[in-house]
Structures are given as structure tokens and as C-alpha cells.
Amino acid sequence: MVQIKSAPDEFSAEYIKIHIADPDLKFSKAKDLSKEKARERCKDPMLLSWYNGKTGEFYPRFDCGSGDKPAWVVFAEARGGNLTIDINDGEYIFIYLKL
């Protein structure tokens, strides 16, 4: 028996880790860096949600789902989020939709 797998397309989920050697890395710079990396993967990425591991802040700020995943992850997944940029092992996380 042969397992048939479809070829990955431009909308397949990707998880990219970036390490920035800057102990004073601010959210705004991390966001800019994530956008640059996302643009390498698609022409017009749409930021759906984010998480600031330094402060615990996240967007969007409302309850979404009732499972084990954080609301900001559920929100992005429900809207087709298919590109996650993880900076410094969870210090900052951005989830995009590749358009």
C-alpha cells in the first residue's frame, strides 16, 4: 500500500524560529523583523495575532475557544494562520496569514 501525500502549497503552515542576540530587543523591533521574514515567504502577509513573552501581553485580547491553547493562537488558527515567526524561543511570537 502506498501513502499519497499532496505536495505542500503556498498556504502550508510554517514555523520559523529566529534568534536575535540583543538582550534589549523591544517589541517594535521584533515585529519589524518578523514582518521582514514573513515577506520572504509571501508577498503580502497579514498579521493575525502576536504574543509578547516578556510582558505576557497578546493580541487579540479576548477569550477564544475553551481548550488548552491560548486565545491568540486559537484566533489565528481559526482565521487560517499559516506562518508563525518565533523570536528567541517564545520571547515574541507572531502568527501571519500568507496571502
PDB file of N, CA and C in Angstrom:
ATOM      1  N   MET A   1       0.850  -1.171   0.000  1.00  0.00           N
ATOM      2  CA  MET A   1       0.000   0.000   0.000  1.00  0.00           C
ATOM      3  C   MET A   1       0.896   1.235   0.000  1.00  0.00           C
ATOM      4  N   VAL A   2       0.541   2.226  -0.794  1.00  0.00           N
ATOM      5  CA  VAL A   2       1.311   3.453  -0.919  1.00  0.00           C
ATOM      6  C   VAL A   2       0.515   4.601  -0.309  1.00  0.00           C
ATOM      7  N   GLN A   3       1.192   5.385   0.509  1.00  0.00           N
ATOM      8  CA  GLN A   3       0.540   6.556   1.089  1.00  0.00           C
ATOM      9  C   GLN A   3       0.721   7.723   0.131  1.00  0.00           C
ATOM     10  N   ILE A   4      -0.360   8.371  -0.180  1.00  0.00           N
ATOM     11  CA  ILE A   4      -0.318   9.503  -1.091  1.00  0.00           C
ATOM     12  C   ILE A   4      -0.384  10.779  -0.278  1.00  0.00           C
ATOM     13  N   LYS A   5       0.576  11.659  -0.515  1.00  0.00           N
ATOM     14  CA  LYS A   5       0.603  12.944   0.166  1.00  0.00           C
ATOM     15  C   LYS A   5       0.542  14.034  -0.884  1.00  0.00           C
ATOM     16  N   SER A   6      -0.216  15.047  -0.604  1.00  0.00           N
ATOM     17  CA  SER A   6      -0.246  16.162  -1.535  1.00  0.00           C
ATOM     18  C   SER A   6       1.000  17.014  -1.333  1.00  0.00           C
ATOM     19  N   ALA A   7       1.437  17.626  -2.400  1.00  0.00           N
ATOM     20  CA  ALA A   7       2.614  18.489  -2.321  1.00  0.00           C
ATOM     21  C   ALA A   7       2.274  19.728  -1.515  1.00  0.00           C
ATOM     22  N   PRO A   8       3.234  20.226  -0.737  1.00  0.00           N
ATOM     23  CA  PRO A   8       2.964  21.449   0.018  1.00  0.00           C
ATOM     24  C   PRO A   8       2.690  22.595  -0.945  1.00  0.00           C
ATOM     25  N   ASP A   9       1.761  23.432  -0.588  1.00  0.00           N
ATOM     26  CA  ASP A   9       1.472  24.584  -1.431  1.00  0.00           C
ATOM     27  C   ASP A   9       1.862  25.855  -0.699  1.00  0.00           C
ATOM     28  N   GLU A  10       1.583  26.976  -1.314  1.00  0.00           N
ATOM     29  CA  GLU A  10       1.993  28.258  -0.738  1.00  0.00           C
ATOM     30  C   GLU A  10       1.253  28.566   0.561  1.00  0.00           C
ATOM     31  N   PHE A  11       0.208  27.824   0.890  1.00  0.00           N
ATOM     32  CA  PHE A  11      -0.558  28.091   2.098  1.00  0.00           C
ATOM     33  C   PHE A  11      -0.298  27.074   3.209  1.00  0.00           C
ATOM     34  N   SER A  12       0.662  26.182   3.025  1.00  0.00           N
ATOM     35  CA  SER A  12       1.001  25.220   4.058  1.00  0.00           C
ATOM     36  C   SER A  12       1.550  25.946   5.282  1.00  0.00           C
ATOM     37  N   ALA A  13       1.282  25.396   6.450  1.00  0.00           N
ATOM     38  CA  ALA A  13       1.731  26.024   7.695  1.00  0.00           C
ATOM     39  C   ALA A  13       3.251  25.931   7.819  1.00  0.00           C
ATOM     40  N   GLU A  14       3.849  27.013   8.261  1.00  0.00           N
ATOM     41  CA  GLU A  14       5.290  27.073   8.503  1.00  0.00           C
ATOM     42  C   GLU A  14       5.539  27.616   9.900  1.00  0.00           C
ATOM     43  N   TYR A  15       6.588  27.124  10.533  1.00  0.00           N
ATOM     44  CA  TYR A  15       7.008  27.612  11.847  1.00  0.00           C
ATOM     45  C   TYR A  15       8.479  27.967  11.731  1.00  0.00           C
ATOM     46  N   ILE A  16       8.798  29.245  11.899  1.00  0.00           N
ATOM     47  CA  ILE A  16      10.164  29.719  11.723  1.00  0.00           C
ATOM     48  C   ILE A  16      10.672  30.277  13.041  1.00  0.00           C
ATOM     49  N   LYS A  17      11.848  29.795  13.446  1.00  0.00           N
ATOM     50  CA  LYS A  17      12.488  30.306  14.665  1.00  0.00           C
ATOM     51  C   LYS A  17      13.616  31.242  14.267  1.00  0.00           C
ATOM     52  N   ILE A  18      13.675  32.379  14.945  1.00  0.00           N
ATOM     53  CA  ILE A  18      14.731  33.357  14.724  1.00  0.00           C
ATOM     54  C   ILE A  18      15.384  33.639  16.067  1.00  0.00           C
ATOM     55  N   HIS A  19      16.695  33.734  16.075  1.00  0.00           N
ATOM     56  CA  HIS A  19      17.412  34.090  17.298  1.00  0.00           C
ATOM     57  C   HIS A  19      18.122  35.415  17.069  1.00  0.00           C
ATOM     58  N   ILE A  20      17.812  36.392  17.893  1.00  0.00           N
ATOM     59  CA  ILE A  20      18.396  37.725  17.829  1.00  0.00           C
ATOM     60  C   ILE A  20      19.230  37.928  19.095  1.00  0.00           C
ATOM     61  N   ALA A  21      20.518  38.192  18.911  1.00  0.00           N
ATOM     62  CA  ALA A  21      21.423  38.351  20.055  1.00  0.00           C
ATOM     63  C   ALA A  21      21.402  39.792  20.555  1.00  0.00           C
ATOM     64  N   ASP A  22      20.244  40.202  21.040  1.00  0.00           N
ATOM     65  CA  ASP A  22      20.102  41.550  21.592  1.00  0.00           C
ATOM     66  C   ASP A  22      19.260  41.441  22.865  1.00  0.00           C
ATOM     67  N   PRO A  23      19.896  41.530  24.042  1.00  0.00           N
ATOM     68  CA  PRO A  23      19.149  41.382  25.289  1.00  0.00           C
ATOM     69  C   PRO A  23      18.123  42.496  25.518  1.00  0.00           C
ATOM     70  N   ASP A  24      18.256  43.600  24.778  1.00  0.00           N
ATOM     71  CA  ASP A  24      17.316  44.720  24.907  1.00  0.00           C
ATOM     72  C   ASP A  24      16.335  44.794  23.744  1.00  0.00           C
ATOM     73  N   LEU A  25      16.128  43.679  23.055  1.00  0.00           N
ATOM     74  CA  LEU A  25      15.218  43.647  21.915  1.00  0.00           C
ATOM     75  C   LEU A  25      13.823  44.078  22.347  1.00  0.00           C
ATOM     76  N   LYS A  26      13.308  45.092  21.700  1.00  0.00           N
ATOM     77  CA  LYS A  26      11.977  45.633  22.001  1.00  0.00           C
ATOM     78  C   LYS A  26      10.935  45.025  21.069  1.00  0.00           C
ATOM     79  N   PHE A  27       9.677  45.091  21.502  1.00  0.00           N
ATOM     80  CA  PHE A  27       8.570  44.534  20.734  1.00  0.00           C
ATOM     81  C   PHE A  27       8.523  45.112  19.315  1.00  0.00           C
ATOM     82  N   SER A  28       8.645  46.429  19.187  1.00  0.00           N
ATOM     83  CA  SER A  28       8.514  47.062  17.868  1.00  0.00           C
ATOM     84  C   SER A  28       9.576  46.550  16.895  1.00  0.00           C
ATOM     85  N   LYS A  29      10.805  46.371  17.361  1.00  0.00           N
ATOM     86  CA  LYS A  29      11.872  45.847  16.503  1.00  0.00           C
ATOM     87  C   LYS A  29      11.603  44.382  16.158  1.00  0.00           C
ATOM     88  N   ALA A  30      11.154  43.609  17.132  1.00  0.00           N
ATOM     89  CA  ALA A  30      10.828  42.204  16.880  1.00  0.00           C
ATOM     90  C   ALA A  30       9.707  42.093  15.849  1.00  0.00           C
ATOM     91  N   LYS A  31       8.722  42.957  15.946  1.00  0.00           N
ATOM     92  CA  LYS A  31       7.604  42.951  14.995  1.00  0.00           C
ATOM     93  C   LYS A  31       8.107  43.271  13.589  1.00  0.00           C
ATOM     94  N   ASP A  32       8.984  44.263  13.476  1.00  0.00           N
ATOM     95  CA  ASP A  32       9.549  44.615  12.171  1.00  0.00           C
ATOM     96  C   ASP A  32      10.351  43.455  11.587  1.00  0.00           C
ATOM     97  N   LEU A  33      11.148  42.808  12.421  1.00  0.00           N
ATOM     98  CA  LEU A  33      11.940  41.663  11.961  1.00  0.00           C
ATOM     99  C   LEU A  33      11.055  40.509  11.512  1.00  0.00           C
ATOM    100  N   SER A  34       9.967  40.281  12.247  1.00  0.00           N
ATOM    101  CA  SER A  34       9.060  39.189  11.872  1.00  0.00           C
ATOM    102  C   SER A  34       8.373  39.494  10.540  1.00  0.00           C
ATOM    103  N   LYS A  35       8.028  40.745  10.320  1.00  0.00           N
ATOM    104  CA  LYS A  35       7.379  41.144   9.065  1.00  0.00           C
ATOM    105  C   LYS A  35       8.342  40.946   7.888  1.00  0.00           C
ATOM    106  N   GLU A  36       9.608  41.313   8.088  1.00  0.00           N
ATOM    107  CA  GLU A  36      10.608  41.102   7.040  1.00  0.00           C
ATOM    108  C   GLU A  36      10.721  39.623   6.690  1.00  0.00           C
ATOM    109  N   LYS A  37      10.785  38.776   7.708  1.00  0.00           N
ATOM    110  CA  LYS A  37      10.899  37.336   7.481  1.00  0.00           C
ATOM    111  C   LYS A  37       9.631  36.800   6.805  1.00  0.00           C
ATOM    112  N   ALA A  38       8.475  37.280   7.230  1.00  0.00           N
ATOM    113  CA  ALA A  38       7.211  36.843   6.626  1.00  0.00           C
ATOM    114  C   ALA A  38       7.154  37.238   5.149  1.00  0.00           C
ATOM    115  N   ARG A  39       7.678  38.404   4.823  1.00  0.00           N
ATOM    116  CA  ARG A  39       7.684  38.852   3.418  1.00  0.00           C
ATOM    117  C   ARG A  39       8.615  38.023   2.551  1.00  0.00           C
ATOM    118  N   GLU A  40       9.555  37.329   3.159  1.00  0.00           N
ATOM    119  CA  GLU A  40      10.395  36.409   2.402  1.00  0.00           C
ATOM    120  C   GLU A  40       9.595  35.182   1.978  1.00  0.00           C
ATOM    121  N   ARG A  41       8.522  34.873   2.706  1.00  0.00           N
ATOM    122  CA  ARG A  41       7.704  33.692   2.438  1.00  0.00           C
ATOM    123  C   ARG A  41       6.500  33.968   1.548  1.00  0.00           C
ATOM    124  N   CYS A  42       6.024  35.213   1.575  1.00  0.00           N
ATOM    125  CA  CYS A  42       4.893  35.570   0.727  1.00  0.00           C
ATOM    126  C   CYS A  42       4.890  37.074   0.498  1.00  0.00           C
ATOM    127  N   LYS A  43       4.213  37.474  -0.539  1.00  0.00           N
ATOM    128  CA  LYS A  43       4.217  38.875  -0.959  1.00  0.00           C
ATOM    129  C   LYS A  43       3.558  39.812   0.049  1.00  0.00           C
ATOM    130  N   ASP A  44       2.436  39.382   0.598  1.00  0.00           N
ATOM    131  CA  ASP A  44       1.644  40.283   1.439  1.00  0.00           C
ATOM    132  C   ASP A  44       1.113  39.555   2.676  1.00  0.00           C
ATOM    133  N   PRO A  45       1.969  39.304   3.677  1.00  0.00           N
ATOM    134  CA  PRO A  45       1.498  38.596   4.872  1.00  0.00           C
ATOM    135  C   PRO A  45       0.602  39.482   5.743  1.00  0.00           C
ATOM    136  N   MET A  46      -0.418  38.870   6.318  1.00  0.00           N
ATOM    137  CA  MET A  46      -1.330  39.595   7.211  1.00  0.00           C
ATOM    138  C   MET A  46      -1.097  39.122   8.645  1.00  0.00           C
ATOM    139  N   LEU A  47      -0.708  40.033   9.526  1.00  0.00           N
ATOM    140  CA  LEU A  47      -0.509  39.685  10.932  1.00  0.00           C
ATOM    141  C   LEU A  47      -1.866  39.452  11.586  1.00  0.00           C
ATOM    142  N   LEU A  48      -2.048  38.254  12.130  1.00  0.00           N
ATOM    143  CA  LEU A  48      -3.320  37.902  12.763  1.00  0.00           C
ATOM    144  C   LEU A  48      -3.263  38.029  14.279  1.00  0.00           C
ATOM    145  N   SER A  49      -2.162  37.600  14.871  1.00  0.00           N
ATOM    146  CA  SER A  49      -2.049  37.660  16.324  1.00  0.00           C
ATOM    147  C   SER A  49      -0.585  37.681  16.727  1.00  0.00           C
ATOM    148  N   TRP A  50      -0.345  38.062  17.976  1.00  0.00           N
ATOM    149  CA  TRP A  50       1.020  38.089  18.494  1.00  0.00           C
ATOM    150  C   TRP A  50       1.017  37.873  19.995  1.00  0.00           C
ATOM    151  N   TYR A  51       2.212  37.546  20.494  1.00  0.00           N
ATOM    152  CA  TYR A  51       2.406  37.309  21.920  1.00  0.00           C
ATOM    153  C   TYR A  51       3.746  37.908  22.332  1.00  0.00           C
ATOM    154  N   ASN A  52       3.748  38.651  23.424  1.00  0.00           N
ATOM    155  CA  ASN A  52       4.959  39.229  23.985  1.00  0.00           C
ATOM    156  C   ASN A  52       5.295  38.424  25.237  1.00  0.00           C
ATOM    157  N   GLY A  53       6.282  37.544  25.129  1.00  0.00           N
ATOM    158  CA  GLY A  53       6.663  36.685  26.243  1.00  0.00           C
ATOM    159  C   GLY A  53       7.306  37.426  27.401  1.00  0.00           C
ATOM    160  N   LYS A  54       7.824  38.624  27.127  1.00  0.00           N
ATOM    161  CA  LYS A  54       8.445  39.420  28.197  1.00  0.00           C
ATOM    162  C   LYS A  54       7.399  39.971  29.157  1.00  0.00           C
ATOM    163  N   THR A  55       6.240  40.370  28.609  1.00  0.00           N
ATOM    164  CA  THR A  55       5.210  41.013  29.427  1.00  0.00           C
ATOM    165  C   THR A  55       3.966  40.165  29.627  1.00  0.00           C
ATOM    166  N   GLY A  56       3.796  39.135  28.778  1.00  0.00           N
ATOM    167  CA  GLY A  56       2.586  38.322  28.834  1.00  0.00           C
ATOM    168  C   GLY A  56       1.443  38.905  28.024  1.00  0.00           C
ATOM    169  N   GLU A  57       1.652  40.057  27.411  1.00  0.00           N
ATOM    170  CA  GLU A  57       0.615  40.670  26.583  1.00  0.00           C
ATOM    171  C   GLU A  57       0.421  39.864  25.305  1.00  0.00           C
ATOM    172  N   PHE A  58      -0.780  39.945  24.743  1.00  0.00           N
ATOM    173  CA  PHE A  58      -1.070  39.274  23.489  1.00  0.00           C
ATOM    174  C   PHE A  58      -2.191  40.017  22.775  1.00  0.00           C
ATOM    175  N   TYR A  59      -2.329  39.706  21.508  1.00  0.00           N
ATOM    176  CA  TYR A  59      -3.403  40.282  20.691  1.00  0.00           C
ATOM    177  C   TYR A  59      -3.960  39.169  19.833  1.00  0.00           C
ATOM    178  N   PRO A  60      -5.246  39.082  19.686  1.00  0.00           N
ATOM    179  CA  PRO A  60      -6.299  39.925  20.238  1.00  0.00           C
ATOM    180  C   PRO A  60      -6.561  39.586  21.699  1.00  0.00           C
ATOM    181  N   ARG A  61      -7.106  40.531  22.389  1.00  0.00           N
ATOM    182  CA  ARG A  61      -7.323  40.402  23.837  1.00  0.00           C
ATOM    183  C   ARG A  61      -8.765  40.026  24.172  1.00  0.00           C
ATOM    184  N   PHE A  62      -9.156  38.862  23.805  1.00  0.00           N
ATOM    185  CA  PHE A  62     -10.460  38.365  24.214  1.00  0.00           C
ATOM    186  C   PHE A  62     -10.433  36.847  24.242  1.00  0.00           C
ATOM    187  N   ASP A  63     -11.403  36.271  24.913  1.00  0.00           N
ATOM    188  CA  ASP A  63     -11.485  34.818  25.006  1.00  0.00           C
ATOM    189  C   ASP A  63     -11.878  34.240  23.660  1.00  0.00           C
ATOM    190  N   CYS A  64     -11.222  33.158  23.316  1.00  0.00           N
ATOM    191  CA  CYS A  64     -11.492  32.493  22.044  1.00  0.00           C
ATOM    192  C   CYS A  64     -11.212  31.015  22.236  1.00  0.00           C
ATOM    193  N   GLY A  65     -12.237  30.220  22.221  1.00  0.00           N
ATOM    194  CA  GLY A  65     -12.069  28.787  22.411  1.00  0.00           C
ATOM    195  C   GLY A  65     -12.026  28.421  23.890  1.00  0.00           C
ATOM    196  N   SER A  66     -12.072  27.135  24.151  1.00  0.00           N
ATOM    197  CA  SER A  66     -12.086  26.687  25.547  1.00  0.00           C
ATOM    198  C   SER A  66     -11.083  25.567  25.798  1.00  0.00           C
ATOM    199  N   GLY A  67     -10.149  25.392  24.875  1.00  0.00           N
ATOM    200  CA  GLY A  67      -9.191  24.297  25.004  1.00  0.00           C
ATOM    201  C   GLY A  67      -7.925  24.704  25.722  1.00  0.00           C
ATOM    202  N   ASP A  68      -6.880  23.936  25.455  1.00  0.00           N
ATOM    203  CA  ASP A  68      -5.598  24.155  26.112  1.00  0.00           C
ATOM    204  C   ASP A  68      -4.757  25.234  25.443  1.00  0.00           C
ATOM    205  N   LYS A  69      -5.117  25.638  24.237  1.00  0.00           N
ATOM    206  CA  LYS A  69      -4.335  26.638  23.515  1.00  0.00           C
ATOM    207  C   LYS A  69      -4.723  28.050  23.958  1.00  0.00           C
ATOM    208  N   PRO A  70      -3.746  28.960  23.958  1.00  0.00           N
ATOM    209  CA  PRO A  70      -4.054  30.352  24.284  1.00  0.00           C
ATOM    210  C   PRO A  70      -5.021  30.947  23.253  1.00  0.00           C
ATOM    211  N   ALA A  71      -5.815  31.914  23.683  1.00  0.00           N
ATOM    212  CA  ALA A  71      -6.826  32.526  22.819  1.00  0.00           C
ATOM    213  C   ALA A  71      -6.223  33.121  21.557  1.00  0.00           C
ATOM    214  N   TRP A  72      -5.056  33.745  21.658  1.00  0.00           N
ATOM    215  CA  TRP A  72      -4.451  34.376  20.484  1.00  0.00           C
ATOM    216  C   TRP A  72      -4.035  33.352  19.433  1.00  0.00           C
ATOM    217  N   VAL A  73      -3.697  32.120  19.860  1.00  0.00           N
ATOM    218  CA  VAL A  73      -3.367  31.044  18.924  1.00  0.00           C
ATOM    219  C   VAL A  73      -4.643  30.522  18.270  1.00  0.00           C
ATOM    220  N   VAL A  74      -5.673  30.280  19.063  1.00  0.00           N
ATOM    221  CA  VAL A  74      -6.954  29.800  18.535  1.00  0.00           C
ATOM    222  C   VAL A  74      -7.504  30.792  17.518  1.00  0.00           C
ATOM    223  N   PHE A  75      -7.438  32.080  17.854  1.00  0.00           N
ATOM    224  CA  PHE A  75      -7.924  33.137  16.964  1.00  0.00           C
ATOM    225  C   PHE A  75      -7.229  33.049  15.604  1.00  0.00           C
ATOM    226  N   ALA A  76      -5.895  32.975  15.620  1.00  0.00           N
ATOM    227  CA  ALA A  76      -5.134  32.944  14.370  1.00  0.00           C
ATOM    228  C   ALA A  76      -5.399  31.665  13.572  1.00  0.00           C
ATOM    229  N   GLU A  77      -5.436  30.539  14.252  1.00  0.00           N
ATOM    230  CA  GLU A  77      -5.685  29.271  13.562  1.00  0.00           C
ATOM    231  C   GLU A  77      -7.066  29.259  12.917  1.00  0.00           C
ATOM    232  N   ALA A  78      -8.059  29.818  13.601  1.00  0.00           N
ATOM    233  CA  ALA A  78      -9.425  29.849  13.076  1.00  0.00           C
ATOM    234  C   ALA A  78      -9.535  30.727  11.840  1.00  0.00           C
ATOM    235  N   ARG A  79      -8.581  31.620  11.668  1.00  0.00           N
ATOM    236  CA  ARG A  79      -8.585  32.529  10.523  1.00  0.00           C
ATOM    237  C   ARG A  79      -7.554  32.140   9.469  1.00  0.00           C
ATOM    238  N   GLY A  80      -7.033  30.930   9.591  1.00  0.00           N
ATOM    239  CA  GLY A  80      -6.131  30.405   8.576  1.00  0.00           C
ATOM    240  C   GLY A  80      -4.667  30.722   8.791  1.00  0.00           C
ATOM    241  N   GLY A  81      -4.295  31.168   9.974  1.00  0.00           N
ATOM    242  CA  GLY A  81      -2.895  31.483  10.248  1.00  0.00           C
ATOM    243  C   GLY A  81      -1.997  30.328   9.845  1.00  0.00           C
ATOM    244  N   ASN A  82      -1.057  30.597   8.954  1.00  0.00           N
ATOM    245  CA  ASN A  82      -0.230  29.520   8.427  1.00  0.00           C
ATOM    246  C   ASN A  82       1.257  29.852   8.408  1.00  0.00           C
ATOM    247  N   LEU A  83       1.646  30.906   9.119  1.00  0.00           N
ATOM    248  CA  LEU A  83       3.060  31.259   9.235  1.00  0.00           C
ATOM    249  C   LEU A  83       3.309  31.820  10.625  1.00  0.00           C
ATOM    250  N   THR A  84       4.075  31.087  11.411  1.00  0.00           N
ATOM    251  CA  THR A  84       4.422  31.527  12.764  1.00  0.00           C
ATOM    252  C   THR A  84       5.895  31.890  12.790  1.00  0.00           C
ATOM    253  N   ILE A  85       6.176  33.082  13.291  1.00  0.00           N
ATOM    254  CA  ILE A  85       7.548  33.548  13.468  1.00  0.00           C
ATOM    255  C   ILE A  85       7.787  33.613  14.972  1.00  0.00           C
ATOM    256  N   ASP A  86       8.695  32.780  15.453  1.00  0.00           N
ATOM    257  CA  ASP A  86       9.034  32.688  16.873  1.00  0.00           C
ATOM    258  C   ASP A  86      10.415  33.303  17.080  1.00  0.00           C
ATOM    259  N   ILE A  87      10.466  34.405  17.800  1.00  0.00           N
ATOM    260  CA  ILE A  87      11.731  35.088  18.042  1.00  0.00           C
ATOM    261  C   ILE A  87      12.227  34.789  19.444  1.00  0.00           C
ATOM    262  N   ASN A  88      13.446  34.279  19.507  1.00  0.00           N
ATOM    263  CA  ASN A  88      14.132  33.973  20.767  1.00  0.00           C
ATOM    264  C   ASN A  88      13.341  33.015  21.661  1.00  0.00           C
ATOM    265  N   ASP A  89      12.904  31.922  21.061  1.00  0.00           N
ATOM    266  CA  ASP A  89      12.233  30.841  21.805  1.00  0.00           C
ATOM    267  C   ASP A  89      11.055  31.318  22.638  1.00  0.00           C
ATOM    268  N   GLY A  90      10.159  32.056  22.003  1.00  0.00           N
ATOM    269  CA  GLY A  90       8.924  32.476  22.664  1.00  0.00           C
ATOM    270  C   GLY A  90       8.975  33.847  23.292  1.00  0.00           C
ATOM    271  N   GLU A  91      10.091  34.542  23.155  1.00  0.00           N
ATOM    272  CA  GLU A  91      10.154  35.908  23.678  1.00  0.00           C
ATOM    273  C   GLU A  91       9.114  36.774  22.966  1.00  0.00           C
ATOM    274  N   TYR A  92       9.019  36.581  21.645  1.00  0.00           N
ATOM    275  CA  TYR A  92       7.981  37.220  20.835  1.00  0.00           C
ATOM    276  C   TYR A  92       7.518  36.201  19.808  1.00  0.00           C
ATOM    277  N   ILE A  93       6.202  36.095  19.615  1.00  0.00           N
ATOM    278  CA  ILE A  93       5.652  35.185  18.615  1.00  0.00           C
ATOM    279  C   ILE A  93       4.617  35.953  17.797  1.00  0.00           C
ATOM    280  N   PHE A  94       4.710  35.797  16.478  1.00  0.00           N
ATOM    281  CA  PHE A  94       3.790  36.467  15.545  1.00  0.00           C
ATOM    282  C   PHE A  94       3.211  35.417  14.616  1.00  0.00           C
ATOM    283  N   ILE A  95       1.878  35.445  14.448  1.00  0.00           N
ATOM    284  CA  ILE A  95       1.224  34.496  13.536  1.00  0.00           C
ATOM    285  C   ILE A  95       0.605  35.279  12.389  1.00  0.00           C
ATOM    286  N   TYR A  96       0.976  34.876  11.184  1.00  0.00           N
ATOM    287  CA  TYR A  96       0.539  35.541   9.955  1.00  0.00           C
ATOM    288  C   TYR A  96      -0.331  34.616   9.106  1.00  0.00           C
ATOM    289  N   LEU A  97      -1.063  35.241   8.214  1.00  0.00           N
ATOM    290  CA  LEU A  97      -1.754  34.546   7.136  1.00  0.00           C
ATOM    291  C   LEU A  97      -1.009  34.893   5.867  1.00  0.00           C
ATOM    292  N   LYS A  98      -0.498  33.872   5.176  1.00  0.00           N
ATOM    293  CA  LYS A  98       0.180  34.101   3.909  1.00  0.00           C
ATOM    294  C   LYS A  98      -0.886  34.307   2.842  1.00  0.00           C
ATOM    295  N   LEU A  99      -0.891  35.472   2.250  1.00  0.00           N
ATOM    296  CA  LEU A  99      -1.870  35.792   1.212  1.00  0.00           C
ATOM    297  C   LEU A  99      -1.260  35.659  -0.176  1.00  0.00           C
TER     298      LEU A  99
END
